[in-house]
Amino acid sequence: MKQLVKHIVAGAMLGSALVSTSVMAEQKIAVVDVQGIFQAMPQAAEIQNAIQVEFKDRIEEVNQLQRDGQFFAERLQRDAATMSAQEKKELEQKMLAVREELAEKAQPLKQNIQRRSNEEQNKLFSLIKQAIDSVAAKQGYDIVLNATATPFVKEQYDMSEQVLEQVSKVN
């Protein structure tokens, strides 16, 4: 009786292993390099340019403040020996005022640029996701993995080019 139970259990395990192997063999798997697609997209460069144009005036203002601060610091270092105490004090106050204004404007600007950049990148990643879903459905893939998560994949399983073609068509 024990022998019969062992054979039944062994048979069931062997049968389930064969069934699971045949089911796994039927799955079609692909990989896609999402980050590579994002970097190769023409829309990514357009977004960077649009953000630079959007914040151009504020970026120039911060750059001018940096140049002013550097000018005052160089002048103080260069001419300190010939300046009166009053002139040094005025120049140091100008430098301090420039630093404070720079601190007030630079950090919020950086945060605003980062926020806008993230918003636009999320739109592009959504577009990439839609393209991946579309290409995977057309080609009958059951599983699509990110290429960065797979240590090695034959080129025949990489559908990055098809996805890039599809997202490049969309404007």
C-alpha atoms as a PDB file:
ATOM      1  CA  MET A   1       0.000   0.000   0.000  1.00  0.00           C
ATOM      2  CA  LYS A   2       2.806   2.413   0.908  1.00  0.00           C
ATOM      3  CA  GLN A   3       4.530   1.501  -2.314  1.00  0.00           C
ATOM      4  CA  LEU A   4       1.388   2.328  -4.303  1.00  0.00           C
ATOM      5  CA  VAL A   5       1.011   5.730  -2.610  1.00  0.00           C
ATOM      6  CA  LYS A   6       4.661   6.529  -3.341  1.00  0.00           C
ATOM      7  CA  HIS A   7       4.187   5.641  -7.021  1.00  0.00           C
ATOM      8  CA  ILE A   8       1.031   7.743  -7.256  1.00  0.00           C
ATOM      9  CA  VAL A   9       2.714  10.742  -5.634  1.00  0.00           C
ATOM     10  CA  ALA A  10       5.801  10.339  -7.804  1.00  0.00           C
ATOM     11  CA  GLY A  11       3.631  10.026 -10.899  1.00  0.00           C
ATOM     12  CA  ALA A  12       1.640  13.114  -9.984  1.00  0.00           C
ATOM     13  CA  MET A  13       4.822  15.118  -9.423  1.00  0.00           C
ATOM     14  CA  LEU A  14       6.313  13.940 -12.694  1.00  0.00           C
ATOM     15  CA  GLY A  15       3.091  14.686 -14.543  1.00  0.00           C
ATOM     16  CA  SER A  16       2.837  18.195 -13.112  1.00  0.00           C
ATOM     17  CA  ALA A  17       6.498  18.857 -13.960  1.00  0.00           C
ATOM     18  CA  LEU A  18       5.916  17.780 -17.561  1.00  0.00           C
ATOM     19  CA  VAL A  19       2.756  19.876 -17.843  1.00  0.00           C
ATOM     20  CA  SER A  20       4.400  22.966 -16.335  1.00  0.00           C
ATOM     21  CA  THR A  21       7.414  22.567 -18.608  1.00  0.00           C
ATOM     22  CA  SER A  22       5.223  22.314 -21.694  1.00  0.00           C
ATOM     23  CA  VAL A  23       3.198  25.343 -20.604  1.00  0.00           C
ATOM     24  CA  MET A  24       6.372  27.348 -20.008  1.00  0.00           C
ATOM     25  CA  ALA A  25       7.752  26.307 -23.380  1.00  0.00           C
ATOM     26  CA  GLU A  26       4.737  27.833 -25.086  1.00  0.00           C
ATOM     27  CA  GLN A  27       5.242  31.277 -23.549  1.00  0.00           C
ATOM     28  CA  LYS A  28       6.795  33.881 -25.770  1.00  0.00           C
ATOM     29  CA  ILE A  29       9.206  36.176 -23.921  1.00  0.00           C
ATOM     30  CA  ALA A  30      10.840  39.428 -25.076  1.00  0.00           C
ATOM     31  CA  VAL A  31      12.996  42.138 -23.590  1.00  0.00           C
ATOM     32  CA  VAL A  32      12.992  45.868 -24.159  1.00  0.00           C
ATOM     33  CA  ASP A  33      15.543  48.531 -23.199  1.00  0.00           C
ATOM     34  CA  VAL A  34      13.234  51.242 -21.862  1.00  0.00           C
ATOM     35  CA  GLN A  35      16.016  53.637 -20.867  1.00  0.00           C
ATOM     36  CA  GLY A  36      17.738  53.239 -24.224  1.00  0.00           C
ATOM     37  CA  ILE A  37      14.484  53.918 -26.056  1.00  0.00           C
ATOM     38  CA  PHE A  38      13.872  57.010 -23.927  1.00  0.00           C
ATOM     39  CA  GLN A  39      17.318  58.394 -24.713  1.00  0.00           C
ATOM     40  CA  ALA A  40      16.964  57.666 -28.436  1.00  0.00           C
ATOM     41  CA  MET A  41      13.522  59.235 -28.761  1.00  0.00           C
ATOM     42  CA  PRO A  42      13.476  62.494 -30.725  1.00  0.00           C
ATOM     43  CA  GLN A  43      10.786  63.749 -28.322  1.00  0.00           C
ATOM     44  CA  ALA A  44      13.246  63.600 -25.382  1.00  0.00           C
ATOM     45  CA  ALA A  45      15.547  66.184 -26.967  1.00  0.00           C
ATOM     46  CA  GLU A  46      12.569  68.348 -27.906  1.00  0.00           C
ATOM     47  CA  ILE A  47      11.384  68.310 -24.306  1.00  0.00           C
ATOM     48  CA  GLN A  48      14.791  69.358 -22.981  1.00  0.00           C
ATOM     49  CA  ASN A  49      14.865  72.245 -25.453  1.00  0.00           C
ATOM     50  CA  ALA A  50      11.306  73.279 -24.555  1.00  0.00           C
ATOM     51  CA  ILE A  51      12.150  73.310 -20.844  1.00  0.00           C
ATOM     52  CA  GLN A  52      15.275  75.402 -21.508  1.00  0.00           C
ATOM     53  CA  VAL A  53      13.174  77.885 -23.484  1.00  0.00           C
ATOM     54  CA  GLU A  54      10.446  77.920 -20.817  1.00  0.00           C
ATOM     55  CA  PHE A  55      12.894  78.798 -18.033  1.00  0.00           C
ATOM     56  CA  LYS A  56      15.349  80.783 -20.182  1.00  0.00           C
ATOM     57  CA  ASP A  57      14.802  84.151 -18.486  1.00  0.00           C
ATOM     58  CA  ARG A  58      15.078  82.774 -14.974  1.00  0.00           C
ATOM     59  CA  ILE A  59      18.168  80.719 -15.862  1.00  0.00           C
ATOM     60  CA  GLU A  60      19.821  83.817 -17.327  1.00  0.00           C
ATOM     61  CA  GLU A  61      18.951  85.816 -14.207  1.00  0.00           C
ATOM     62  CA  VAL A  62      20.557  83.193 -11.954  1.00  0.00           C
ATOM     63  CA  ASN A  63      23.614  83.021 -14.225  1.00  0.00           C
ATOM     64  CA  GLN A  64      23.936  86.811 -14.071  1.00  0.00           C
ATOM     65  CA  LEU A  65      23.766  86.716 -10.272  1.00  0.00           C
ATOM     66  CA  GLN A  66      26.529  84.107 -10.247  1.00  0.00           C
ATOM     67  CA  ARG A  67      28.688  86.260 -12.520  1.00  0.00           C
ATOM     68  CA  ASP A  68      28.049  89.328 -10.334  1.00  0.00           C
ATOM     69  CA  GLY A  69      29.021  87.435  -7.200  1.00  0.00           C
ATOM     70  CA  GLN A  70      32.166  86.154  -8.846  1.00  0.00           C
ATOM     71  CA  PHE A  71      33.032  89.662 -10.079  1.00  0.00           C
ATOM     72  CA  PHE A  72      32.622  91.153  -6.593  1.00  0.00           C
ATOM     73  CA  ALA A  73      34.701  88.384  -5.024  1.00  0.00           C
ATOM     74  CA  GLU A  74      37.494  88.816  -7.579  1.00  0.00           C
ATOM     75  CA  ARG A  75      37.432  92.589  -7.165  1.00  0.00           C
ATOM     76  CA  LEU A  76      37.648  92.287  -3.393  1.00  0.00           C
ATOM     77  CA  GLN A  77      40.551  89.867  -3.650  1.00  0.00           C
ATOM     78  CA  ARG A  78      42.357  91.934  -6.280  1.00  0.00           C
ATOM     79  CA  ASP A  79      41.801  95.434  -4.860  1.00  0.00           C
ATOM     80  CA  ALA A  80      41.524  94.771  -1.113  1.00  0.00           C
ATOM     81  CA  ALA A  81      44.950  96.238  -0.406  1.00  0.00           C
ATOM     82  CA  THR A  82      44.070  99.607  -1.981  1.00  0.00           C
ATOM     83  CA  MET A  83      40.468  99.864  -0.762  1.00  0.00           C
ATOM     84  CA  SER A  84      39.341 101.804   2.245  1.00  0.00           C
ATOM     85  CA  ALA A  85      37.515  99.990   5.039  1.00  0.00           C
ATOM     86  CA  GLN A  86      34.239 101.584   3.907  1.00  0.00           C
ATOM     87  CA  GLU A  87      34.698 100.368   0.304  1.00  0.00           C
ATOM     88  CA  LYS A  88      35.502  96.856   1.528  1.00  0.00           C
ATOM     89  CA  LYS A  89      32.408  96.863   3.724  1.00  0.00           C
ATOM     90  CA  GLU A  90      30.179  98.038   0.850  1.00  0.00           C
ATOM     91  CA  LEU A  91      31.613  95.418  -1.491  1.00  0.00           C
ATOM     92  CA  GLU A  92      31.148  92.667   1.102  1.00  0.00           C
ATOM     93  CA  GLN A  93      27.531  93.801   1.588  1.00  0.00           C
ATOM     94  CA  LYS A  94      26.973  93.645  -2.177  1.00  0.00           C
ATOM     95  CA  MET A  95      28.440  90.140  -2.212  1.00  0.00           C
ATOM     96  CA  LEU A  96      26.192  89.090   0.655  1.00  0.00           C
ATOM     97  CA  ALA A  97      23.123  90.564  -1.059  1.00  0.00           C
ATOM     98  CA  VAL A  98      23.976  88.718  -4.292  1.00  0.00           C
ATOM     99  CA  ARG A  99      24.450  85.433  -2.410  1.00  0.00           C
ATOM    100  CA  GLU A 100      21.096  85.829  -0.641  1.00  0.00           C
ATOM    101  CA  GLU A 101      19.290  86.646  -3.871  1.00  0.00           C
ATOM    102  CA  LEU A 102      21.006  83.745  -5.585  1.00  0.00           C
ATOM    103  CA  ALA A 103      19.925  81.396  -2.799  1.00  0.00           C
ATOM    104  CA  GLU A 104      16.340  82.690  -3.098  1.00  0.00           C
ATOM    105  CA  LYS A 105      16.184  82.161  -6.842  1.00  0.00           C
ATOM    106  CA  ALA A 106      18.483  79.253  -7.698  1.00  0.00           C
ATOM    107  CA  GLN A 107      16.943  76.506  -5.551  1.00  0.00           C
ATOM    108  CA  PRO A 108      13.293  77.167  -6.549  1.00  0.00           C
ATOM    109  CA  LEU A 109      14.366  77.387 -10.183  1.00  0.00           C
ATOM    110  CA  LYS A 110      16.160  74.057  -9.939  1.00  0.00           C
ATOM    111  CA  GLN A 111      13.094  72.492  -8.319  1.00  0.00           C
ATOM    112  CA  ASN A 112      10.744  73.905 -10.973  1.00  0.00           C
ATOM    113  CA  ILE A 113      12.949  72.660 -13.795  1.00  0.00           C
ATOM    114  CA  GLN A 114      13.156  69.216 -12.153  1.00  0.00           C
ATOM    115  CA  ARG A 115       9.377  69.089 -11.650  1.00  0.00           C
ATOM    116  CA  ARG A 116       8.651  70.042 -15.284  1.00  0.00           C
ATOM    117  CA  SER A 117      11.267  67.607 -16.532  1.00  0.00           C
ATOM    118  CA  ASN A 118       9.709  64.794 -14.492  1.00  0.00           C
ATOM    119  CA  GLU A 119       6.237  65.636 -15.804  1.00  0.00           C
ATOM    120  CA  GLU A 120       7.419  65.477 -19.395  1.00  0.00           C
ATOM    121  CA  GLN A 121       9.478  62.318 -18.821  1.00  0.00           C
ATOM    122  CA  ASN A 122       6.452  60.605 -17.298  1.00  0.00           C
ATOM    123  CA  LYS A 123       4.476  61.437 -20.437  1.00  0.00           C
ATOM    124  CA  LEU A 124       7.193  59.856 -22.582  1.00  0.00           C
ATOM    125  CA  PHE A 125       7.448  56.768 -20.375  1.00  0.00           C
ATOM    126  CA  SER A 126       3.676  56.389 -20.688  1.00  0.00           C
ATOM    127  CA  LEU A 127       4.046  56.595 -24.460  1.00  0.00           C
ATOM    128  CA  ILE A 128       6.808  53.958 -24.339  1.00  0.00           C
ATOM    129  CA  LYS A 129       4.598  51.697 -22.194  1.00  0.00           C
ATOM    130  CA  GLN A 130       1.763  51.982 -24.731  1.00  0.00           C
ATOM    131  CA  ALA A 131       4.159  51.154 -27.567  1.00  0.00           C
ATOM    132  CA  ILE A 132       5.512  48.142 -25.666  1.00  0.00           C
ATOM    133  CA  ASP A 133       1.981  46.876 -25.071  1.00  0.00           C
ATOM    134  CA  SER A 134       1.108  47.380 -28.731  1.00  0.00           C
ATOM    135  CA  VAL A 135       4.223  45.661 -30.126  1.00  0.00           C
ATOM    136  CA  ALA A 136       3.910  42.809 -27.623  1.00  0.00           C
ATOM    137  CA  ALA A 137       0.274  42.257 -28.585  1.00  0.00           C
ATOM    138  CA  LYS A 138       1.037  42.361 -32.333  1.00  0.00           C
ATOM    139  CA  GLN A 139       3.895  39.879 -32.026  1.00  0.00           C
ATOM    140  CA  GLY A 140       2.162  37.646 -29.489  1.00  0.00           C
ATOM    141  CA  TYR A 141       4.540  38.052 -26.548  1.00  0.00           C
ATOM    142  CA  ASP A 142       3.292  36.760 -23.207  1.00  0.00           C
ATOM    143  CA  ILE A 143       6.018  38.364 -21.079  1.00  0.00           C
ATOM    144  CA  VAL A 144       8.111  41.472 -21.712  1.00  0.00           C
ATOM    145  CA  LEU A 145      11.061  42.130 -19.405  1.00  0.00           C
ATOM    146  CA  ASN A 146      13.135  45.255 -18.994  1.00  0.00           C
ATOM    147  CA  ALA A 147      16.557  44.633 -20.541  1.00  0.00           C
ATOM    148  CA  THR A 148      18.303  46.027 -17.461  1.00  0.00           C
ATOM    149  CA  ALA A 149      16.724  43.229 -15.393  1.00  0.00           C
ATOM    150  CA  THR A 150      18.075  40.458 -17.598  1.00  0.00           C
ATOM    151  CA  PRO A 151      21.800  39.687 -17.569  1.00  0.00           C
ATOM    152  CA  PHE A 152      21.833  38.129 -21.036  1.00  0.00           C
ATOM    153  CA  VAL A 153      19.370  37.916 -23.886  1.00  0.00           C
ATOM    154  CA  LYS A 154      19.797  36.864 -27.484  1.00  0.00           C
ATOM    155  CA  GLU A 155      19.187  39.709 -29.889  1.00  0.00           C
ATOM    156  CA  GLN A 156      16.244  37.898 -31.467  1.00  0.00           C
ATOM    157  CA  TYR A 157      14.225  38.423 -28.273  1.00  0.00           C
ATOM    158  CA  ASP A 158      14.902  42.169 -28.058  1.00  0.00           C
ATOM    159  CA  MET A 159      11.987  44.237 -29.335  1.00  0.00           C
ATOM    160  CA  SER A 160      13.497  47.639 -28.493  1.00  0.00           C
ATOM    161  CA  GLU A 161      13.894  48.662 -32.148  1.00  0.00           C
ATOM    162  CA  GLN A 162      10.233  48.013 -32.944  1.00  0.00           C
ATOM    163  CA  VAL A 163       9.138  49.992 -29.877  1.00  0.00           C
ATOM    164  CA  LEU A 164      11.473  52.874 -30.787  1.00  0.00           C
ATOM    165  CA  GLU A 165      10.069  52.940 -34.320  1.00  0.00           C
ATOM    166  CA  GLN A 166       6.543  53.135 -32.966  1.00  0.00           C
ATOM    167  CA  VAL A 167       7.200  55.902 -30.420  1.00  0.00           C
ATOM    168  CA  SER A 168       9.202  57.900 -32.963  1.00  0.00           C
ATOM    169  CA  LYS A 169       6.167  58.024 -35.241  1.00  0.00           C
ATOM    170  CA  VAL A 170       4.061  59.630 -32.519  1.00  0.00           C
ATOM    171  CA  ASN A 171       4.398  63.413 -32.145  1.00  0.00           C
END
